[in-house]
Amino acid sequence: MRVHIKPRLQQEKWSLYWKTSMSTRTFALDEFDLEVKHDETTAKEVKARVAEFIGLPPVETLHRLEEFVEPWELMCARDDATATAKTRLRR
């Protein structure tokens, strides 16, 4: 199954003093297609492949600032935020 990816990169300006986001910018990256196995590929696997394709480091290597609790990555499919590792892709 071919999945059309429209990646976005969100950049936060984080205040160490206030421990909150001061501003957010979102960048649209180049779109691309990804081949996945229907009903076998999970959202977590797709997010990892997209991150690798656009050159982002693996989530396990990133360090969180104190009070930052938002997910590192978010995937939306048909206007539904699919953030769980066990979610299977459907047609």
N, C-alpha and C. Protein backbone atom coordinates (compact mmCIF):
# COMPACT_ATOMS: atom_id res chain seq x y z
N MET A 1 0.86 -1.17 0.00
CA MET A 1 0.00 0.00 0.00
C MET A 1 0.91 1.23 0.00
N ARG A 2 0.55 2.20 -0.81
CA ARG A 2 1.32 3.44 -0.89
C ARG A 2 0.64 4.50 -0.02
N VAL A 3 1.45 5.14 0.85
CA VAL A 3 0.96 6.19 1.74
C VAL A 3 1.63 7.49 1.34
N HIS A 4 0.83 8.53 1.11
CA HIS A 4 1.38 9.84 0.75
C HIS A 4 1.66 10.61 2.04
N ILE A 5 2.91 11.02 2.22
CA ILE A 5 3.36 11.69 3.44
C ILE A 5 3.52 13.18 3.18
N LYS A 6 2.93 14.00 4.06
CA LYS A 6 3.07 15.45 4.01
C LYS A 6 3.71 15.90 5.33
N PRO A 7 5.04 15.77 5.44
CA PRO A 7 5.68 16.05 6.74
C PRO A 7 5.69 17.53 7.09
N ARG A 8 5.55 17.79 8.39
CA ARG A 8 5.65 19.14 8.94
C ARG A 8 6.64 19.09 10.10
N LEU A 9 7.43 20.12 10.24
CA LEU A 9 8.39 20.22 11.34
C LEU A 9 7.99 21.40 12.21
N GLN A 10 7.70 21.12 13.47
CA GLN A 10 7.30 22.18 14.40
C GLN A 10 8.50 22.53 15.27
N GLN A 11 8.81 23.80 15.33
CA GLN A 11 9.96 24.29 16.09
C GLN A 11 9.46 25.15 17.25
N GLU A 12 9.87 24.79 18.46
CA GLU A 12 9.46 25.52 19.67
C GLU A 12 10.60 26.38 20.18
N LYS A 13 10.29 27.58 20.59
CA LYS A 13 11.25 28.41 21.32
C LYS A 13 10.88 28.24 22.79
N TRP A 14 11.72 27.55 23.55
CA TRP A 14 11.40 27.15 24.91
C TRP A 14 12.10 28.05 25.91
N SER A 15 11.37 28.52 26.91
CA SER A 15 11.94 29.35 27.97
C SER A 15 12.35 28.47 29.14
N LEU A 16 13.65 28.47 29.46
CA LEU A 16 14.13 27.71 30.60
C LEU A 16 13.67 28.34 31.91
N TYR A 17 13.49 29.66 31.90
CA TYR A 17 13.05 30.36 33.11
C TYR A 17 11.57 30.09 33.39
N TRP A 18 10.72 30.31 32.39
CA TRP A 18 9.28 30.14 32.57
C TRP A 18 8.85 28.68 32.43
N LYS A 19 9.72 27.86 31.86
CA LYS A 19 9.44 26.44 31.62
C LYS A 19 8.17 26.25 30.78
N THR A 20 8.12 27.00 29.70
CA THR A 20 6.99 26.91 28.79
C THR A 20 7.44 27.34 27.39
N SER A 21 6.63 27.02 26.41
CA SER A 21 6.92 27.42 25.04
C SER A 21 6.60 28.90 24.86
N MET A 22 7.55 29.63 24.29
CA MET A 22 7.35 31.06 24.06
C MET A 22 6.78 31.33 22.66
N SER A 23 7.15 30.48 21.71
CA SER A 23 6.61 30.62 20.35
C SER A 23 6.77 29.29 19.62
N THR A 24 5.96 29.14 18.58
CA THR A 24 5.97 27.92 17.78
C THR A 24 5.97 28.29 16.31
N ARG A 25 6.82 27.61 15.54
CA ARG A 25 6.83 27.78 14.08
C ARG A 25 6.69 26.40 13.45
N THR A 26 5.90 26.32 12.38
CA THR A 26 5.71 25.05 11.68
C THR A 26 6.17 25.21 10.24
N PHE A 27 7.00 24.26 9.80
CA PHE A 27 7.55 24.28 8.45
C PHE A 27 7.00 23.09 7.67
N ALA A 28 6.53 23.32 6.44
CA ALA A 28 6.09 22.25 5.56
C ALA A 28 7.32 21.73 4.82
N LEU A 29 7.56 20.42 4.93
CA LEU A 29 8.69 19.79 4.24
C LEU A 29 8.20 19.16 2.95
N ASP A 30 9.13 18.70 2.13
CA ASP A 30 8.78 18.09 0.84
C ASP A 30 7.94 16.83 1.05
N GLU A 31 6.88 16.70 0.27
CA GLU A 31 6.00 15.53 0.34
C GLU A 31 6.66 14.35 -0.37
N PHE A 32 6.29 13.13 0.05
CA PHE A 32 6.81 11.93 -0.59
C PHE A 32 5.86 10.76 -0.34
N ASP A 33 6.06 9.68 -1.09
CA ASP A 33 5.25 8.46 -0.94
C ASP A 33 6.07 7.40 -0.22
N LEU A 34 5.38 6.58 0.56
CA LEU A 34 6.03 5.53 1.34
C LEU A 34 5.26 4.24 1.11
N GLU A 35 5.97 3.16 0.81
CA GLU A 35 5.34 1.85 0.63
C GLU A 35 5.29 1.14 1.97
N VAL A 36 4.11 0.70 2.39
CA VAL A 36 3.94 -0.03 3.65
C VAL A 36 3.08 -1.26 3.40
N LYS A 37 3.21 -2.24 4.29
CA LYS A 37 2.39 -3.45 4.20
C LYS A 37 1.04 -3.17 4.87
N HIS A 38 -0.01 -3.38 4.12
CA HIS A 38 -1.38 -3.13 4.60
C HIS A 38 -1.69 -4.01 5.80
N ASP A 39 -2.23 -3.43 6.87
CA ASP A 39 -2.64 -4.11 8.10
C ASP A 39 -1.51 -4.80 8.86
N GLU A 40 -0.25 -4.58 8.47
CA GLU A 40 0.88 -5.16 9.20
C GLU A 40 1.75 -4.07 9.81
N THR A 41 1.73 -2.89 9.22
CA THR A 41 2.60 -1.80 9.65
C THR A 41 1.90 -0.95 10.71
N THR A 42 2.61 -0.65 11.80
CA THR A 42 2.03 0.17 12.87
C THR A 42 2.38 1.64 12.66
N ALA A 43 1.66 2.50 13.36
CA ALA A 43 1.92 3.94 13.29
C ALA A 43 3.34 4.24 13.76
N LYS A 44 3.80 3.54 14.78
CA LYS A 44 5.15 3.76 15.30
C LYS A 44 6.20 3.47 14.23
N GLU A 45 6.02 2.39 13.47
CA GLU A 45 6.96 2.04 12.40
C GLU A 45 6.95 3.10 11.30
N VAL A 46 5.78 3.59 10.94
CA VAL A 46 5.69 4.63 9.90
C VAL A 46 6.38 5.90 10.37
N LYS A 47 6.13 6.32 11.62
CA LYS A 47 6.77 7.53 12.15
C LYS A 47 8.29 7.40 12.15
N ALA A 48 8.80 6.22 12.49
CA ALA A 48 10.25 6.00 12.49
C ALA A 48 10.82 6.09 11.08
N ARG A 49 10.12 5.52 10.09
CA ARG A 49 10.59 5.58 8.71
C ARG A 49 10.55 7.00 8.16
N VAL A 50 9.50 7.76 8.51
CA VAL A 50 9.41 9.16 8.07
C VAL A 50 10.53 9.97 8.69
N ALA A 51 10.79 9.80 9.98
CA ALA A 51 11.86 10.53 10.65
C ALA A 51 13.21 10.22 10.02
N GLU A 52 13.44 8.95 9.69
CA GLU A 52 14.69 8.56 9.04
C GLU A 52 14.79 9.20 7.65
N PHE A 53 13.69 9.20 6.91
CA PHE A 53 13.69 9.74 5.55
C PHE A 53 14.02 11.24 5.54
N ILE A 54 13.48 12.00 6.51
CA ILE A 54 13.71 13.45 6.50
C ILE A 54 14.93 13.84 7.33
N GLY A 55 15.61 12.84 7.93
CA GLY A 55 16.88 13.11 8.60
C GLY A 55 16.79 13.51 10.07
N LEU A 56 15.73 13.11 10.75
CA LEU A 56 15.61 13.42 12.18
C LEU A 56 16.22 12.29 13.01
N PRO A 57 16.78 12.61 14.18
CA PRO A 57 17.34 11.55 15.03
C PRO A 57 16.22 10.70 15.64
N PRO A 58 16.53 9.46 16.03
CA PRO A 58 15.52 8.61 16.67
C PRO A 58 15.01 9.23 17.97
N VAL A 59 13.75 9.01 18.28
CA VAL A 59 13.13 9.58 19.48
C VAL A 59 13.88 9.18 20.74
N GLU A 60 14.40 7.95 20.78
CA GLU A 60 15.09 7.45 21.97
C GLU A 60 16.34 8.27 22.31
N THR A 61 16.91 8.98 21.34
CA THR A 61 18.15 9.74 21.58
C THR A 61 17.89 11.19 21.98
N LEU A 62 16.64 11.63 21.97
CA LEU A 62 16.32 13.02 22.30
C LEU A 62 16.21 13.21 23.81
N HIS A 63 16.54 14.41 24.28
CA HIS A 63 16.48 14.74 25.70
C HIS A 63 15.36 15.74 25.94
N ARG A 64 14.56 15.48 26.96
CA ARG A 64 13.44 16.37 27.30
C ARG A 64 13.88 17.43 28.30
N LEU A 65 13.39 18.64 28.09
CA LEU A 65 13.56 19.68 29.09
C LEU A 65 12.52 19.48 30.19
N GLU A 66 12.82 19.97 31.37
CA GLU A 66 11.88 19.86 32.49
C GLU A 66 10.55 20.52 32.11
N GLU A 67 9.46 19.90 32.45
CA GLU A 67 8.09 20.38 32.19
C GLU A 67 7.62 20.16 30.74
N PHE A 68 8.48 19.72 29.84
CA PHE A 68 8.05 19.46 28.46
C PHE A 68 7.46 18.06 28.39
N VAL A 69 6.15 17.98 28.20
CA VAL A 69 5.46 16.69 28.24
C VAL A 69 4.78 16.32 26.92
N GLU A 70 4.81 17.21 25.95
CA GLU A 70 4.18 16.93 24.66
C GLU A 70 4.91 15.79 23.95
N PRO A 71 4.21 15.02 23.09
CA PRO A 71 4.89 13.96 22.36
C PRO A 71 5.90 14.54 21.36
N TRP A 72 6.98 13.82 21.14
CA TRP A 72 7.99 14.28 20.19
C TRP A 72 7.43 14.30 18.77
N GLU A 73 6.61 13.33 18.47
CA GLU A 73 6.09 13.21 17.11
C GLU A 73 4.61 12.89 17.16
N LEU A 74 3.91 13.32 16.13
CA LEU A 74 2.47 13.09 16.04
C LEU A 74 2.15 12.76 14.60
N MET A 75 1.32 11.76 14.40
CA MET A 75 0.93 11.36 13.05
C MET A 75 -0.58 11.49 12.93
N CYS A 76 -1.05 12.18 11.90
CA CYS A 76 -2.48 12.32 11.64
C CYS A 76 -2.81 11.58 10.35
N ALA A 77 -3.84 10.76 10.41
CA ALA A 77 -4.32 10.05 9.23
C ALA A 77 -5.81 10.28 9.13
N ARG A 78 -6.23 10.88 8.02
CA ARG A 78 -7.65 11.21 7.82
C ARG A 78 -8.19 12.04 8.98
N ASP A 79 -7.44 13.08 9.36
CA ASP A 79 -7.81 14.02 10.42
C ASP A 79 -7.93 13.37 11.80
N ASP A 80 -7.28 12.23 11.99
CA ASP A 80 -7.30 11.55 13.28
C ASP A 80 -5.86 11.44 13.78
N ALA A 81 -5.59 11.97 14.95
CA ALA A 81 -4.24 11.91 15.51
C ALA A 81 -3.95 10.47 15.94
N THR A 82 -3.04 9.83 15.23
CA THR A 82 -2.70 8.44 15.48
C THR A 82 -1.34 8.40 16.16
N ALA A 83 -1.33 8.38 17.48
CA ALA A 83 -0.08 8.45 18.21
C ALA A 83 0.31 7.14 18.88
N THR A 84 -0.54 6.13 18.85
CA THR A 84 -0.23 4.90 19.56
C THR A 84 0.68 4.00 18.73
N ALA A 85 1.49 3.23 19.43
CA ALA A 85 2.43 2.34 18.77
C ALA A 85 1.73 1.13 18.16
N LYS A 86 0.56 0.76 18.67
CA LYS A 86 -0.11 -0.46 18.23
C LYS A 86 -1.11 -0.22 17.11
N THR A 87 -1.39 1.01 16.76
CA THR A 87 -2.38 1.31 15.73
C THR A 87 -1.90 0.80 14.37
N ARG A 88 -2.72 0.01 13.73
CA ARG A 88 -2.40 -0.52 12.39
C ARG A 88 -2.97 0.42 11.34
N LEU A 89 -2.28 0.48 10.21
CA LEU A 89 -2.76 1.32 9.11
C LEU A 89 -3.89 0.61 8.38
N ARG A 90 -4.89 1.37 7.98
CA ARG A 90 -6.02 0.82 7.23
C ARG A 90 -6.19 1.60 5.95
N ARG A 91 -6.85 0.99 5.01
CA ARG A 91 -7.12 1.68 3.74
C ARG A 91 -8.23 2.67 3.90
